[in-house]
């Protein structure tokens, strides 16, 4: 189904939604794709606002509509025809409406053609991006990260055939091989979730104490162990050293979490390096996109393992949603803007 078009004021552009499992982030975007305002609410798909005592629940769709109205109802009222475009887990089987996975490799245009439409009783429909499925003996999926990747690519002045490696560190870290407007291959590492599980639910966390500030020396020590002479023993052997170094007073309780972080990220980047060694044309451009301190850690790890200095991307999700909206015909192509959503350089300094 072709996306619906609506007449809106000239200064209006798009309401873009990054709708995940635990939170909802929305962007009010101007006619040139600039972010005018950002809001954040705890209304992820697993934590939708309840109905009031005087109003019947109305089912799952009503709960999603309540979350939408609570987050940006005033925007919708002020510009009733403003198009709505969402990415993330809102398109999962547990979301507002399931948006099927597209196979990789895929392109910006294919994602734009694959939007799922959710009709709303009052106002324009919500358009939801599909996720991506990478087939193989060990299938891989992403839902939401594809939008960040497209946002990153939009800010890079590279030849169309130049490969780019984009890292999206987080709970489930993604590493995406892409070219202009096209996603070709990706890897997933459950590094963030494993760190949280080890710290909160194993004996390793029993001797850890919160630190007043990140312990970069402990983190670097973990990186070095991950790439040391006994690296062949693997991650499961190395993580136990978090406990034994603490028991022998070689690692302070406040340093143990950062050391463990270094071990996990070190093994992730080492695996990535091995995968890149098997790639015929290794990307010369490397970009990180995510929470600033986490990107800083990954920048240190990447350079420790011999990767190039990464570029750091910001506002990639909003930029990616705008690119999809343009390709889908939800908004009109703007005149060139002098603003640039990225900051080049390393966070490791």
C-alpha atoms as a PDB file:
ATOM      1  CA  UNK A   1       0.000   0.000   0.000  1.00  0.00           C
ATOM      2  CA  UNK A   2       1.361   3.397  -0.958  1.00  0.00           C
ATOM      3  CA  UNK A   3       2.002   5.792   1.954  1.00  0.00           C
ATOM      4  CA  UNK A   4      -0.726   8.381   2.464  1.00  0.00           C
ATOM      5  CA  UNK A   5       0.063  12.054   1.759  1.00  0.00           C
ATOM      6  CA  UNK A   6      -1.276  14.922   3.865  1.00  0.00           C
ATOM      7  CA  UNK A   7      -1.276  18.690   3.551  1.00  0.00           C
ATOM      8  CA  UNK A   8       0.648  20.176   6.450  1.00  0.00           C
ATOM      9  CA  UNK A   9       2.022  23.647   7.256  1.00  0.00           C
ATOM     10  CA  UNK A  10       5.208  24.550   5.396  1.00  0.00           C
ATOM     11  CA  UNK A  11       7.290  24.543   8.578  1.00  0.00           C
ATOM     12  CA  UNK A  12       6.141  21.041   9.534  1.00  0.00           C
ATOM     13  CA  UNK A  13       7.931  17.888   8.440  1.00  0.00           C
ATOM     14  CA  UNK A  14       7.540  14.635  10.313  1.00  0.00           C
ATOM     15  CA  UNK A  15       6.899  13.022  13.674  1.00  0.00           C
ATOM     16  CA  UNK A  16       9.549  10.307  13.885  1.00  0.00           C
ATOM     17  CA  UNK A  17       9.369   7.602  16.557  1.00  0.00           C
ATOM     18  CA  UNK A  18      12.066   5.303  17.898  1.00  0.00           C
ATOM     19  CA  UNK A  19       9.817   2.815  19.714  1.00  0.00           C
ATOM     20  CA  UNK A  20      11.666   0.073  21.553  1.00  0.00           C
ATOM     21  CA  UNK A  21      11.040  -2.550  24.208  1.00  0.00           C
ATOM     22  CA  UNK A  22      11.493  -0.316  27.250  1.00  0.00           C
ATOM     23  CA  UNK A  23      11.145   3.256  26.000  1.00  0.00           C
ATOM     24  CA  UNK A  24       9.653   5.558  23.368  1.00  0.00           C
ATOM     25  CA  UNK A  25      11.664   8.430  21.914  1.00  0.00           C
ATOM     26  CA  UNK A  26       9.985  10.867  19.517  1.00  0.00           C
ATOM     27  CA  UNK A  27      11.349  13.636  17.287  1.00  0.00           C
ATOM     28  CA  UNK A  28       9.397  16.571  15.891  1.00  0.00           C
ATOM     29  CA  UNK A  29      11.175  17.325  12.644  1.00  0.00           C
ATOM     30  CA  UNK A  30      11.031  20.433  10.494  1.00  0.00           C
ATOM     31  CA  UNK A  31      10.531  20.716   6.751  1.00  0.00           C
ATOM     32  CA  UNK A  32      14.295  20.386   6.133  1.00  0.00           C
ATOM     33  CA  UNK A  33      14.737  17.310   8.308  1.00  0.00           C
ATOM     34  CA  UNK A  34      16.074  19.221  11.314  1.00  0.00           C
ATOM     35  CA  UNK A  35      15.125  18.003  14.797  1.00  0.00           C
ATOM     36  CA  UNK A  36      12.997  20.707  16.406  1.00  0.00           C
ATOM     37  CA  UNK A  37      12.209  18.882  19.644  1.00  0.00           C
ATOM     38  CA  UNK A  38      12.869  15.496  21.232  1.00  0.00           C
ATOM     39  CA  UNK A  39      10.855  13.743  23.926  1.00  0.00           C
ATOM     40  CA  UNK A  40      11.470  10.526  25.862  1.00  0.00           C
ATOM     41  CA  UNK A  41       8.903   8.431  27.705  1.00  0.00           C
ATOM     42  CA  UNK A  42       9.054   5.008  29.426  1.00  0.00           C
ATOM     43  CA  UNK A  43       6.326   3.669  27.119  1.00  0.00           C
ATOM     44  CA  UNK A  44       8.179   0.803  25.466  1.00  0.00           C
ATOM     45  CA  UNK A  45       6.085  -1.986  23.996  1.00  0.00           C
ATOM     46  CA  UNK A  46       6.339  -3.950  27.255  1.00  0.00           C
ATOM     47  CA  UNK A  47       5.336  -1.006  29.457  1.00  0.00           C
ATOM     48  CA  UNK A  48       2.380   0.794  27.904  1.00  0.00           C
ATOM     49  CA  UNK A  49       0.283   3.282  29.915  1.00  0.00           C
ATOM     50  CA  UNK A  50      -2.812   1.767  31.572  1.00  0.00           C
ATOM     51  CA  UNK A  51      -6.324   2.989  30.886  1.00  0.00           C
ATOM     52  CA  UNK A  52      -8.019   5.314  33.333  1.00  0.00           C
ATOM     53  CA  UNK A  53     -10.695   4.002  35.664  1.00  0.00           C
ATOM     54  CA  UNK A  54     -13.433   5.835  33.747  1.00  0.00           C
ATOM     55  CA  UNK A  55     -12.411   4.603  30.275  1.00  0.00           C
ATOM     56  CA  UNK A  56     -12.598   1.065  28.953  1.00  0.00           C
ATOM     57  CA  UNK A  57      -9.214  -0.397  28.035  1.00  0.00           C
ATOM     58  CA  UNK A  58     -10.009  -0.890  24.349  1.00  0.00           C
ATOM     59  CA  UNK A  59      -7.339  -3.540  23.735  1.00  0.00           C
ATOM     60  CA  UNK A  60      -3.693  -3.407  22.706  1.00  0.00           C
ATOM     61  CA  UNK A  61      -4.183  -0.802  19.993  1.00  0.00           C
ATOM     62  CA  UNK A  62      -5.752   1.574  22.489  1.00  0.00           C
ATOM     63  CA  UNK A  63      -2.759   1.180  24.810  1.00  0.00           C
ATOM     64  CA  UNK A  64      -0.355   2.118  22.000  1.00  0.00           C
ATOM     65  CA  UNK A  65      -2.549   5.085  21.101  1.00  0.00           C
ATOM     66  CA  UNK A  66      -2.460   6.248  24.733  1.00  0.00           C
ATOM     67  CA  UNK A  67       1.331   6.096  24.681  1.00  0.00           C
ATOM     68  CA  UNK A  68       1.396   8.100  21.468  1.00  0.00           C
ATOM     69  CA  UNK A  69      -0.987  10.732  22.797  1.00  0.00           C
ATOM     70  CA  UNK A  70       0.849  11.035  26.115  1.00  0.00           C
ATOM     71  CA  UNK A  71       4.171  11.546  24.331  1.00  0.00           C
ATOM     72  CA  UNK A  72       3.241  13.874  21.479  1.00  0.00           C
ATOM     73  CA  UNK A  73      -0.518  14.462  21.517  1.00  0.00           C
ATOM     74  CA  UNK A  74      -0.014  18.225  21.483  1.00  0.00           C
ATOM     75  CA  UNK A  75       2.115  17.962  18.335  1.00  0.00           C
ATOM     76  CA  UNK A  76      -0.611  15.903  16.659  1.00  0.00           C
ATOM     77  CA  UNK A  77      -3.248  18.465  17.648  1.00  0.00           C
ATOM     78  CA  UNK A  78      -1.180  21.426  16.444  1.00  0.00           C
ATOM     79  CA  UNK A  79      -0.425  19.869  13.031  1.00  0.00           C
ATOM     80  CA  UNK A  80      -3.182  17.279  12.445  1.00  0.00           C
ATOM     81  CA  UNK A  81      -1.829  16.090   9.087  1.00  0.00           C
ATOM     82  CA  UNK A  82       1.768  15.525  10.136  1.00  0.00           C
ATOM     83  CA  UNK A  83       2.959  12.093   8.924  1.00  0.00           C
ATOM     84  CA  UNK A  84       4.061   9.529  11.511  1.00  0.00           C
ATOM     85  CA  UNK A  85       6.956   7.107  10.937  1.00  0.00           C
ATOM     86  CA  UNK A  86       8.269   4.612  13.502  1.00  0.00           C
ATOM     87  CA  UNK A  87      11.098   2.118  13.770  1.00  0.00           C
ATOM     88  CA  UNK A  88      11.961  -0.477  16.383  1.00  0.00           C
ATOM     89  CA  UNK A  89      10.112  -3.115  18.376  1.00  0.00           C
ATOM     90  CA  UNK A  90       6.753  -1.427  17.771  1.00  0.00           C
ATOM     91  CA  UNK A  91       6.856  -3.451  14.547  1.00  0.00           C
ATOM     92  CA  UNK A  92       7.576  -6.777  16.258  1.00  0.00           C
ATOM     93  CA  UNK A  93       5.070  -9.552  16.882  1.00  0.00           C
ATOM     94  CA  UNK A  94       4.515  -8.001  20.337  1.00  0.00           C
ATOM     95  CA  UNK A  95       4.166  -4.471  18.933  1.00  0.00           C
ATOM     96  CA  UNK A  96       1.299  -2.372  17.628  1.00  0.00           C
ATOM     97  CA  UNK A  97       1.374  -4.131  14.248  1.00  0.00           C
ATOM     98  CA  UNK A  98       3.905  -6.677  13.025  1.00  0.00           C
ATOM     99  CA  UNK A  99       6.117  -5.384  10.215  1.00  0.00           C
ATOM    100  CA  UNK A 100       7.671  -8.389   8.497  1.00  0.00           C
ATOM    101  CA  UNK A 101      11.427  -8.803   8.153  1.00  0.00           C
ATOM    102  CA  UNK A 102      13.080  -8.016   4.827  1.00  0.00           C
ATOM    103  CA  UNK A 103      15.978 -10.220   3.678  1.00  0.00           C
ATOM    104  CA  UNK A 104      19.497  -8.828   3.524  1.00  0.00           C
ATOM    105  CA  UNK A 105      21.152  -7.415   1.527  1.00  0.00           C
ATOM    106  CA  UNK A 106      18.568  -4.659   1.331  1.00  0.00           C
ATOM    107  CA  UNK A 107      18.335  -1.016   0.361  1.00  0.00           C
ATOM    108  CA  UNK A 108      16.856   2.249   1.529  1.00  0.00           C
ATOM    109  CA  UNK A 109      14.239   2.043  -1.214  1.00  0.00           C
ATOM    110  CA  UNK A 110      13.254  -1.521  -0.258  1.00  0.00           C
ATOM    111  CA  UNK A 111      12.742  -0.452   3.351  1.00  0.00           C
ATOM    112  CA  UNK A 112      10.652   2.502   2.197  1.00  0.00           C
ATOM    113  CA  UNK A 113       8.484   0.212   0.057  1.00  0.00           C
ATOM    114  CA  UNK A 114       8.039  -2.226   2.932  1.00  0.00           C
ATOM    115  CA  UNK A 115       6.309   0.098   5.422  1.00  0.00           C
ATOM    116  CA  UNK A 116       3.419  -1.371   7.414  1.00  0.00           C
ATOM    117  CA  UNK A 117       0.400   0.886   7.890  1.00  0.00           C
ATOM    118  CA  UNK A 118      -1.522   1.204  11.182  1.00  0.00           C
ATOM    119  CA  UNK A 119      -4.786   3.074  10.671  1.00  0.00           C
ATOM    120  CA  UNK A 120      -5.759   5.379  13.526  1.00  0.00           C
ATOM    121  CA  UNK A 121      -9.270   6.588  14.309  1.00  0.00           C
ATOM    122  CA  UNK A 122      -8.224  10.232  14.621  1.00  0.00           C
ATOM    123  CA  UNK A 123      -5.481  11.569  12.399  1.00  0.00           C
ATOM    124  CA  UNK A 124      -3.011  10.116   9.924  1.00  0.00           C
ATOM    125  CA  UNK A 125      -1.857   6.486  10.099  1.00  0.00           C
ATOM    126  CA  UNK A 126       1.366   5.308  11.671  1.00  0.00           C
ATOM    127  CA  UNK A 127       3.917   3.897   9.236  1.00  0.00           C
ATOM    128  CA  UNK A 128       6.229   1.221  10.704  1.00  0.00           C
ATOM    129  CA  UNK A 129       9.558   0.134   9.241  1.00  0.00           C
ATOM    130  CA  UNK A 130      10.262  -3.553   8.644  1.00  0.00           C
ATOM    131  CA  UNK A 131      13.145  -5.290  10.366  1.00  0.00           C
ATOM    132  CA  UNK A 132      15.957  -7.150   8.621  1.00  0.00           C
ATOM    133  CA  UNK A 133      16.596 -10.896   8.485  1.00  0.00           C
ATOM    134  CA  UNK A 134      19.972 -12.331   7.502  1.00  0.00           C
ATOM    135  CA  UNK A 135      19.503 -15.954   6.488  1.00  0.00           C
ATOM    136  CA  UNK A 136      22.114 -18.621   7.042  1.00  0.00           C
ATOM    137  CA  UNK A 137      23.029 -21.548   9.258  1.00  0.00           C
ATOM    138  CA  UNK A 138      22.873 -19.072  12.151  1.00  0.00           C
ATOM    139  CA  UNK A 139      20.214 -16.491  11.178  1.00  0.00           C
ATOM    140  CA  UNK A 140      20.523 -12.923  12.420  1.00  0.00           C
ATOM    141  CA  UNK A 141      17.954 -10.152  12.813  1.00  0.00           C
ATOM    142  CA  UNK A 142      17.767  -6.458  13.560  1.00  0.00           C
ATOM    143  CA  UNK A 143      14.847  -4.145  14.190  1.00  0.00           C
ATOM    144  CA  UNK A 144      15.568  -0.456  14.664  1.00  0.00           C
ATOM    145  CA  UNK A 145      19.310  -0.518  14.036  1.00  0.00           C
ATOM    146  CA  UNK A 146      18.738  -0.420  10.274  1.00  0.00           C
ATOM    147  CA  UNK A 147      17.406   3.109  10.747  1.00  0.00           C
ATOM    148  CA  UNK A 148      20.553   4.203  12.591  1.00  0.00           C
ATOM    149  CA  UNK A 149      22.683   2.727   9.813  1.00  0.00           C
ATOM    150  CA  UNK A 150      20.807   4.673   7.140  1.00  0.00           C
ATOM    151  CA  UNK A 151      21.201   7.821   9.221  1.00  0.00           C
ATOM    152  CA  UNK A 152      24.941   7.254   9.476  1.00  0.00           C
ATOM    153  CA  UNK A 153      25.263   6.635   5.741  1.00  0.00           C
ATOM    154  CA  UNK A 154      23.384   9.859   4.977  1.00  0.00           C
ATOM    155  CA  UNK A 155      26.094  11.848   6.744  1.00  0.00           C
ATOM    156  CA  UNK A 156      29.082  10.315   4.963  1.00  0.00           C
ATOM    157  CA  UNK A 157      30.551  11.811   1.783  1.00  0.00           C
ATOM    158  CA  UNK A 158      31.863   8.608   0.205  1.00  0.00           C
ATOM    159  CA  UNK A 159      31.693   6.985  -3.226  1.00  0.00           C
ATOM    160  CA  UNK A 160      28.599   4.821  -3.681  1.00  0.00           C
ATOM    161  CA  UNK A 161      30.634   1.594  -3.772  1.00  0.00           C
ATOM    162  CA  UNK A 162      32.828   2.404  -0.730  1.00  0.00           C
ATOM    163  CA  UNK A 163      32.224  -0.096   2.095  1.00  0.00           C
ATOM    164  CA  UNK A 164      31.599   1.250   5.601  1.00  0.00           C
ATOM    165  CA  UNK A 165      31.717  -0.647   8.889  1.00  0.00           C
ATOM    166  CA  UNK A 166      29.220   0.780  11.376  1.00  0.00           C
ATOM    167  CA  UNK A 167      29.310  -0.250  15.038  1.00  0.00           C
ATOM    168  CA  UNK A 168      26.211   0.130  17.204  1.00  0.00           C
ATOM    169  CA  UNK A 169      27.341  -0.800  20.732  1.00  0.00           C
ATOM    170  CA  UNK A 170      24.674  -1.541  23.310  1.00  0.00           C
ATOM    171  CA  UNK A 171      22.749  -4.369  24.938  1.00  0.00           C
ATOM    172  CA  UNK A 172      23.044  -6.334  21.704  1.00  0.00           C
ATOM    173  CA  UNK A 173      25.913  -4.765  19.792  1.00  0.00           C
ATOM    174  CA  UNK A 174      25.566  -4.720  16.002  1.00  0.00           C
ATOM    175  CA  UNK A 175      28.342  -4.415  13.441  1.00  0.00           C
ATOM    176  CA  UNK A 176      27.008  -3.602   9.999  1.00  0.00           C
ATOM    177  CA  UNK A 177      28.783  -3.698   6.646  1.00  0.00           C
ATOM    178  CA  UNK A 178      27.064  -1.143   4.416  1.00  0.00           C
ATOM    179  CA  UNK A 179      27.422   1.040   1.346  1.00  0.00           C
ATOM    180  CA  UNK A 180      25.531   4.173   0.400  1.00  0.00           C
ATOM    181  CA  UNK A 181      21.823   3.442   0.913  1.00  0.00           C
ATOM    182  CA  UNK A 182      22.420  -0.304   1.234  1.00  0.00           C
ATOM    183  CA  UNK A 183      22.888  -2.752   4.137  1.00  0.00           C
ATOM    184  CA  UNK A 184      24.832  -5.849   3.115  1.00  0.00           C
ATOM    185  CA  UNK A 185      25.778  -7.891   6.180  1.00  0.00           C
ATOM    186  CA  UNK A 186      25.762  -7.650   9.959  1.00  0.00           C
ATOM    187  CA  UNK A 187      26.901  -9.364  13.159  1.00  0.00           C
ATOM    188  CA  UNK A 188      25.349  -9.348  16.626  1.00  0.00           C
ATOM    189  CA  UNK A 189      27.187  -9.647  19.960  1.00  0.00           C
ATOM    190  CA  UNK A 190      25.203  -9.868  23.220  1.00  0.00           C
ATOM    191  CA  UNK A 191      28.022  -8.072  25.040  1.00  0.00           C
ATOM    192  CA  UNK A 192      25.956  -5.557  27.013  1.00  0.00           C
ATOM    193  CA  UNK A 193      23.377  -8.078  28.165  1.00  0.00           C
ATOM    194  CA  UNK A 194      26.036 -10.617  29.150  1.00  0.00           C
ATOM    195  CA  UNK A 195      27.880  -7.930  31.148  1.00  0.00           C
ATOM    196  CA  UNK A 196      24.670  -7.065  33.029  1.00  0.00           C
ATOM    197  CA  UNK A 197      23.901 -10.736  33.684  1.00  0.00           C
ATOM    198  CA  UNK A 198      27.410 -11.519  34.929  1.00  0.00           C
ATOM    199  CA  UNK A 199      27.481  -8.469  37.164  1.00  0.00           C
ATOM    200  CA  UNK A 200      24.006  -8.896  38.581  1.00  0.00           C
ATOM    201  CA  UNK A 201      23.463 -12.651  38.709  1.00  0.00           C
ATOM    202  CA  UNK A 202      26.802 -14.458  39.149  1.00  0.00           C
ATOM    203  CA  UNK A 203      29.482 -14.710  41.800  1.00  0.00           C
ATOM    204  CA  UNK A 204      31.568 -12.171  39.890  1.00  0.00           C
ATOM    205  CA  UNK A 205      29.291  -9.391  41.046  1.00  0.00           C
ATOM    206  CA  UNK A 206      29.579 -10.295  44.726  1.00  0.00           C
ATOM    207  CA  UNK A 207      32.955  -8.624  45.131  1.00  0.00           C
ATOM    208  CA  UNK A 208      32.302  -5.635  42.859  1.00  0.00           C
ATOM    209  CA  UNK A 209      31.757  -2.146  44.242  1.00  0.00           C
ATOM    210  CA  UNK A 210      30.483   0.917  42.415  1.00  0.00           C
ATOM    211  CA  UNK A 211      33.180   3.321  41.259  1.00  0.00           C
ATOM    212  CA  UNK A 212      32.948   7.113  41.411  1.00  0.00           C
ATOM    213  CA  UNK A 213      34.287   7.347  37.848  1.00  0.00           C
ATOM    214  CA  UNK A 214      35.184   4.939  35.025  1.00  0.00           C
ATOM    215  CA  UNK A 215      38.446   3.116  35.673  1.00  0.00           C
ATOM    216  CA  UNK A 216      40.122   3.345  32.282  1.00  0.00           C
ATOM    217  CA  UNK A 217      43.225   1.514  33.469  1.00  0.00           C
ATOM    218  CA  UNK A 218      41.166  -1.504  34.565  1.00  0.00           C
ATOM    219  CA  UNK A 219      39.287  -1.439  31.268  1.00  0.00           C
ATOM    220  CA  UNK A 220      42.571  -1.359  29.333  1.00  0.00           C
ATOM    221  CA  UNK A 221      43.844  -4.264  31.434  1.00  0.00           C
ATOM    222  CA  UNK A 222      40.801  -6.298  30.425  1.00  0.00           C
ATOM    223  CA  UNK A 223      41.430  -5.482  26.759  1.00  0.00           C
ATOM    224  CA  UNK A 224      45.033  -6.656  27.035  1.00  0.00           C
ATOM    225  CA  UNK A 225      44.049  -9.938  28.691  1.00  0.00           C
ATOM    226  CA  UNK A 226      41.518 -10.585  25.918  1.00  0.00           C
ATOM    227  CA  UNK A 227      44.282 -10.281  23.308  1.00  0.00           C
ATOM    228  CA  UNK A 228      47.116 -11.779  25.386  1.00  0.00           C
ATOM    229  CA  UNK A 229      49.201 -14.923  24.978  1.00  0.00           C
ATOM    230  CA  UNK A 230      46.473 -17.161  26.427  1.00  0.00           C
ATOM    231  CA  UNK A 231      43.655 -15.635  24.337  1.00  0.00           C
ATOM    232  CA  UNK A 232      43.039 -19.060  22.807  1.00  0.00           C
ATOM    233  CA  UNK A 233      41.558 -20.173  26.139  1.00  0.00           C
ATOM    234  CA  UNK A 234      38.604 -17.958  25.299  1.00  0.00           C
ATOM    235  CA  UNK A 235      36.135 -15.727  27.063  1.00  0.00           C
ATOM    236  CA  UNK A 236      34.756 -18.330  29.479  1.00  0.00           C
ATOM    237  CA  UNK A 237      38.220 -18.823  30.945  1.00  0.00           C
ATOM    238  CA  UNK A 238      39.081 -15.147  31.051  1.00  0.00           C
ATOM    239  CA  UNK A 239      35.991 -13.881  32.848  1.00  0.00           C
ATOM    240  CA  UNK A 240      36.844 -15.962  35.921  1.00  0.00           C
ATOM    241  CA  UNK A 241      39.971 -13.852  36.345  1.00  0.00           C
ATOM    242  CA  UNK A 242      37.662 -11.005  37.417  1.00  0.00           C
ATOM    243  CA  UNK A 243      37.148 -12.969  40.620  1.00  0.00           C
ATOM    244  CA  UNK A 244      40.654 -14.370  41.083  1.00  0.00           C
ATOM    245  CA  UNK A 245      42.362 -10.995  40.589  1.00  0.00           C
ATOM    246  CA  UNK A 246      40.043  -9.616  43.245  1.00  0.00           C
ATOM    247  CA  UNK A 247      40.693 -12.493  45.661  1.00  0.00           C
ATOM    248  CA  UNK A 248      44.453 -11.966  45.345  1.00  0.00           C
ATOM    249  CA  UNK A 249      44.142  -8.182  45.846  1.00  0.00           C
ATOM    250  CA  UNK A 250      45.453  -7.532  42.332  1.00  0.00           C
ATOM    251  CA  UNK A 251      42.220  -5.792  41.308  1.00  0.00           C
ATOM    252  CA  UNK A 252      40.290  -3.428  43.565  1.00  0.00           C
ATOM    253  CA  UNK A 253      36.556  -4.039  44.033  1.00  0.00           C
ATOM    254  CA  UNK A 254      35.806  -0.705  42.346  1.00  0.00           C
ATOM    255  CA  UNK A 255      37.902  -1.718  39.304  1.00  0.00           C
ATOM    256  CA  UNK A 256      36.389  -5.143  38.684  1.00  0.00           C
ATOM    257  CA  UNK A 257      33.367  -4.035  36.631  1.00  0.00           C
ATOM    258  CA  UNK A 258      35.540  -2.006  34.243  1.00  0.00           C
ATOM    259  CA  UNK A 259      37.981  -4.893  33.947  1.00  0.00           C
ATOM    260  CA  UNK A 260      35.120  -7.247  33.066  1.00  0.00           C
ATOM    261  CA  UNK A 261      33.857  -4.716  30.537  1.00  0.00           C
ATOM    262  CA  UNK A 262      37.307  -4.662  28.940  1.00  0.00           C
ATOM    263  CA  UNK A 263      37.378  -8.458  28.740  1.00  0.00           C
ATOM    264  CA  UNK A 264      33.977  -8.682  27.058  1.00  0.00           C
ATOM    265  CA  UNK A 265      34.483  -5.805  24.630  1.00  0.00           C
ATOM    266  CA  UNK A 266      37.997  -7.048  23.893  1.00  0.00           C
ATOM    267  CA  UNK A 267      36.731 -10.482  22.898  1.00  0.00           C
ATOM    268  CA  UNK A 268      33.984  -8.873  20.801  1.00  0.00           C
ATOM    269  CA  UNK A 269      36.431  -6.686  18.890  1.00  0.00           C
ATOM    270  CA  UNK A 270      38.875  -9.602  18.495  1.00  0.00           C
ATOM    271  CA  UNK A 271      36.079 -11.655  16.901  1.00  0.00           C
ATOM    272  CA  UNK A 272      35.223  -8.727  14.665  1.00  0.00           C
ATOM    273  CA  UNK A 273      38.869  -8.430  13.590  1.00  0.00           C
ATOM    274  CA  UNK A 274      38.925 -12.117  12.622  1.00  0.00           C
ATOM    275  CA  UNK A 275      35.749 -11.666  10.597  1.00  0.00           C
ATOM    276  CA  UNK A 276      37.227  -8.630   8.832  1.00  0.00           C
ATOM    277  CA  UNK A 277      40.349 -10.613   7.959  1.00  0.00           C
ATOM    278  CA  UNK A 278      38.088 -12.920   5.936  1.00  0.00           C
ATOM    279  CA  UNK A 279      36.448 -10.012   4.056  1.00  0.00           C
ATOM    280  CA  UNK A 280      37.903  -9.524   0.557  1.00  0.00           C
ATOM    281  CA  UNK A 281      37.657  -5.719   0.719  1.00  0.00           C
ATOM    282  CA  UNK A 282      37.961  -4.488   4.294  1.00  0.00           C
ATOM    283  CA  UNK A 283      36.179  -1.151   4.903  1.00  0.00           C
ATOM    284  CA  UNK A 284      38.466   1.838   5.354  1.00  0.00           C
ATOM    285  CA  UNK A 285      35.720   3.907   7.010  1.00  0.00           C
ATOM    286  CA  UNK A 286      34.654   3.002  10.541  1.00  0.00           C
ATOM    287  CA  UNK A 287      31.785   4.695  12.401  1.00  0.00           C
ATOM    288  CA  UNK A 288      30.450   4.254  15.930  1.00  0.00           C
ATOM    289  CA  UNK A 289      26.941   5.272  16.939  1.00  0.00           C
ATOM    290  CA  UNK A 290      25.549   4.946  20.442  1.00  0.00           C
ATOM    291  CA  UNK A 291      25.796   6.166  24.027  1.00  0.00           C
ATOM    292  CA  UNK A 292      28.846   8.479  24.278  1.00  0.00           C
ATOM    293  CA  UNK A 293      30.801   6.753  27.055  1.00  0.00           C
ATOM    294  CA  UNK A 294      30.208   3.337  25.514  1.00  0.00           C
ATOM    295  CA  UNK A 295      31.395   4.623  22.132  1.00  0.00           C
ATOM    296  CA  UNK A 296      34.475   6.013  23.885  1.00  0.00           C
ATOM    297  CA  UNK A 297      35.260   2.563  25.286  1.00  0.00           C
ATOM    298  CA  UNK A 298      34.749   0.898  21.918  1.00  0.00           C
ATOM    299  CA  UNK A 299      36.968   3.488  20.235  1.00  0.00           C
ATOM    300  CA  UNK A 300      39.768   2.571  22.657  1.00  0.00           C
ATOM    301  CA  UNK A 301      39.201  -1.144  22.042  1.00  0.00           C
ATOM    302  CA  UNK A 302      39.150  -0.782  18.262  1.00  0.00           C
ATOM    303  CA  UNK A 303      42.420   1.125  18.194  1.00  0.00           C
ATOM    304  CA  UNK A 304      43.991  -1.367  20.610  1.00  0.00           C
ATOM    305  CA  UNK A 305      43.209  -4.091  18.087  1.00  0.00           C
ATOM    306  CA  UNK A 306      44.595  -2.125  15.150  1.00  0.00           C
ATOM    307  CA  UNK A 307      41.427  -0.664  13.634  1.00  0.00           C
ATOM    308  CA  UNK A 308      41.355   2.838  12.190  1.00  0.00           C
ATOM    309  CA  UNK A 309      40.247   5.776  14.303  1.00  0.00           C
ATOM    310  CA  UNK A 310      36.439   5.746  14.200  1.00  0.00           C
ATOM    311  CA  UNK A 311      34.122   8.589  13.376  1.00  0.00           C
ATOM    312  CA  UNK A 312      31.399   9.216  15.970  1.00  0.00           C
ATOM    313  CA  UNK A 313      27.827   9.678  14.711  1.00  0.00           C
ATOM    314  CA  UNK A 314      25.005  11.489  16.517  1.00  0.00           C
ATOM    315  CA  UNK A 315      21.278  11.895  15.783  1.00  0.00           C
ATOM    316  CA  UNK A 316      21.503   8.902  13.434  1.00  0.00           C
ATOM    317  CA  UNK A 317      18.033   7.542  14.243  1.00  0.00           C
ATOM    318  CA  UNK A 318      16.243  10.805  13.451  1.00  0.00           C
ATOM    319  CA  UNK A 319      18.308  11.242  10.287  1.00  0.00           C
ATOM    320  CA  UNK A 320      17.570   7.676   9.203  1.00  0.00           C
ATOM    321  CA  UNK A 321      13.838   8.073   9.741  1.00  0.00           C
ATOM    322  CA  UNK A 322      13.920  11.260   7.674  1.00  0.00           C
ATOM    323  CA  UNK A 323      15.714   9.435   4.843  1.00  0.00           C
ATOM    324  CA  UNK A 324      13.059   6.704   4.875  1.00  0.00           C
ATOM    325  CA  UNK A 325      10.278   9.312   4.901  1.00  0.00           C
ATOM    326  CA  UNK A 326      11.819  10.974   1.839  1.00  0.00           C
ATOM    327  CA  UNK A 327      12.184   7.672  -0.010  1.00  0.00           C
ATOM    328  CA  UNK A 328       8.600   6.675   0.861  1.00  0.00           C
ATOM    329  CA  UNK A 329       7.132   9.986  -0.261  1.00  0.00           C
ATOM    330  CA  UNK A 330       5.869  10.891   3.194  1.00  0.00           C
ATOM    331  CA  UNK A 331       7.756  14.197   3.024  1.00  0.00           C
ATOM    332  CA  UNK A 332       9.039  16.383   0.207  1.00  0.00           C
ATOM    333  CA  UNK A 333      12.771  16.553  -0.480  1.00  0.00           C
ATOM    334  CA  UNK A 334      14.217  19.617   1.303  1.00  0.00           C
ATOM    335  CA  UNK A 335      16.761  22.085   0.032  1.00  0.00           C
ATOM    336  CA  UNK A 336      20.343  21.298   1.140  1.00  0.00           C
ATOM    337  CA  UNK A 337      21.039  22.142   4.786  1.00  0.00           C
ATOM    338  CA  UNK A 338      24.422  23.314   6.090  1.00  0.00           C
ATOM    339  CA  UNK A 339      24.024  21.308   9.295  1.00  0.00           C
ATOM    340  CA  UNK A 340      25.925  18.045   9.636  1.00  0.00           C
ATOM    341  CA  UNK A 341      24.848  15.331  12.109  1.00  0.00           C
ATOM    342  CA  UNK A 342      28.283  13.875  12.787  1.00  0.00           C
ATOM    343  CA  UNK A 343      31.447  14.733  14.610  1.00  0.00           C
ATOM    344  CA  UNK A 344      34.612  13.224  13.161  1.00  0.00           C
ATOM    345  CA  UNK A 345      37.384  11.913  15.326  1.00  0.00           C
ATOM    346  CA  UNK A 346      38.013   9.539  18.171  1.00  0.00           C
ATOM    347  CA  UNK A 347      36.488   9.527  21.625  1.00  0.00           C
ATOM    348  CA  UNK A 348      39.589   7.810  22.895  1.00  0.00           C
ATOM    349  CA  UNK A 349      41.592  10.957  23.416  1.00  0.00           C
END
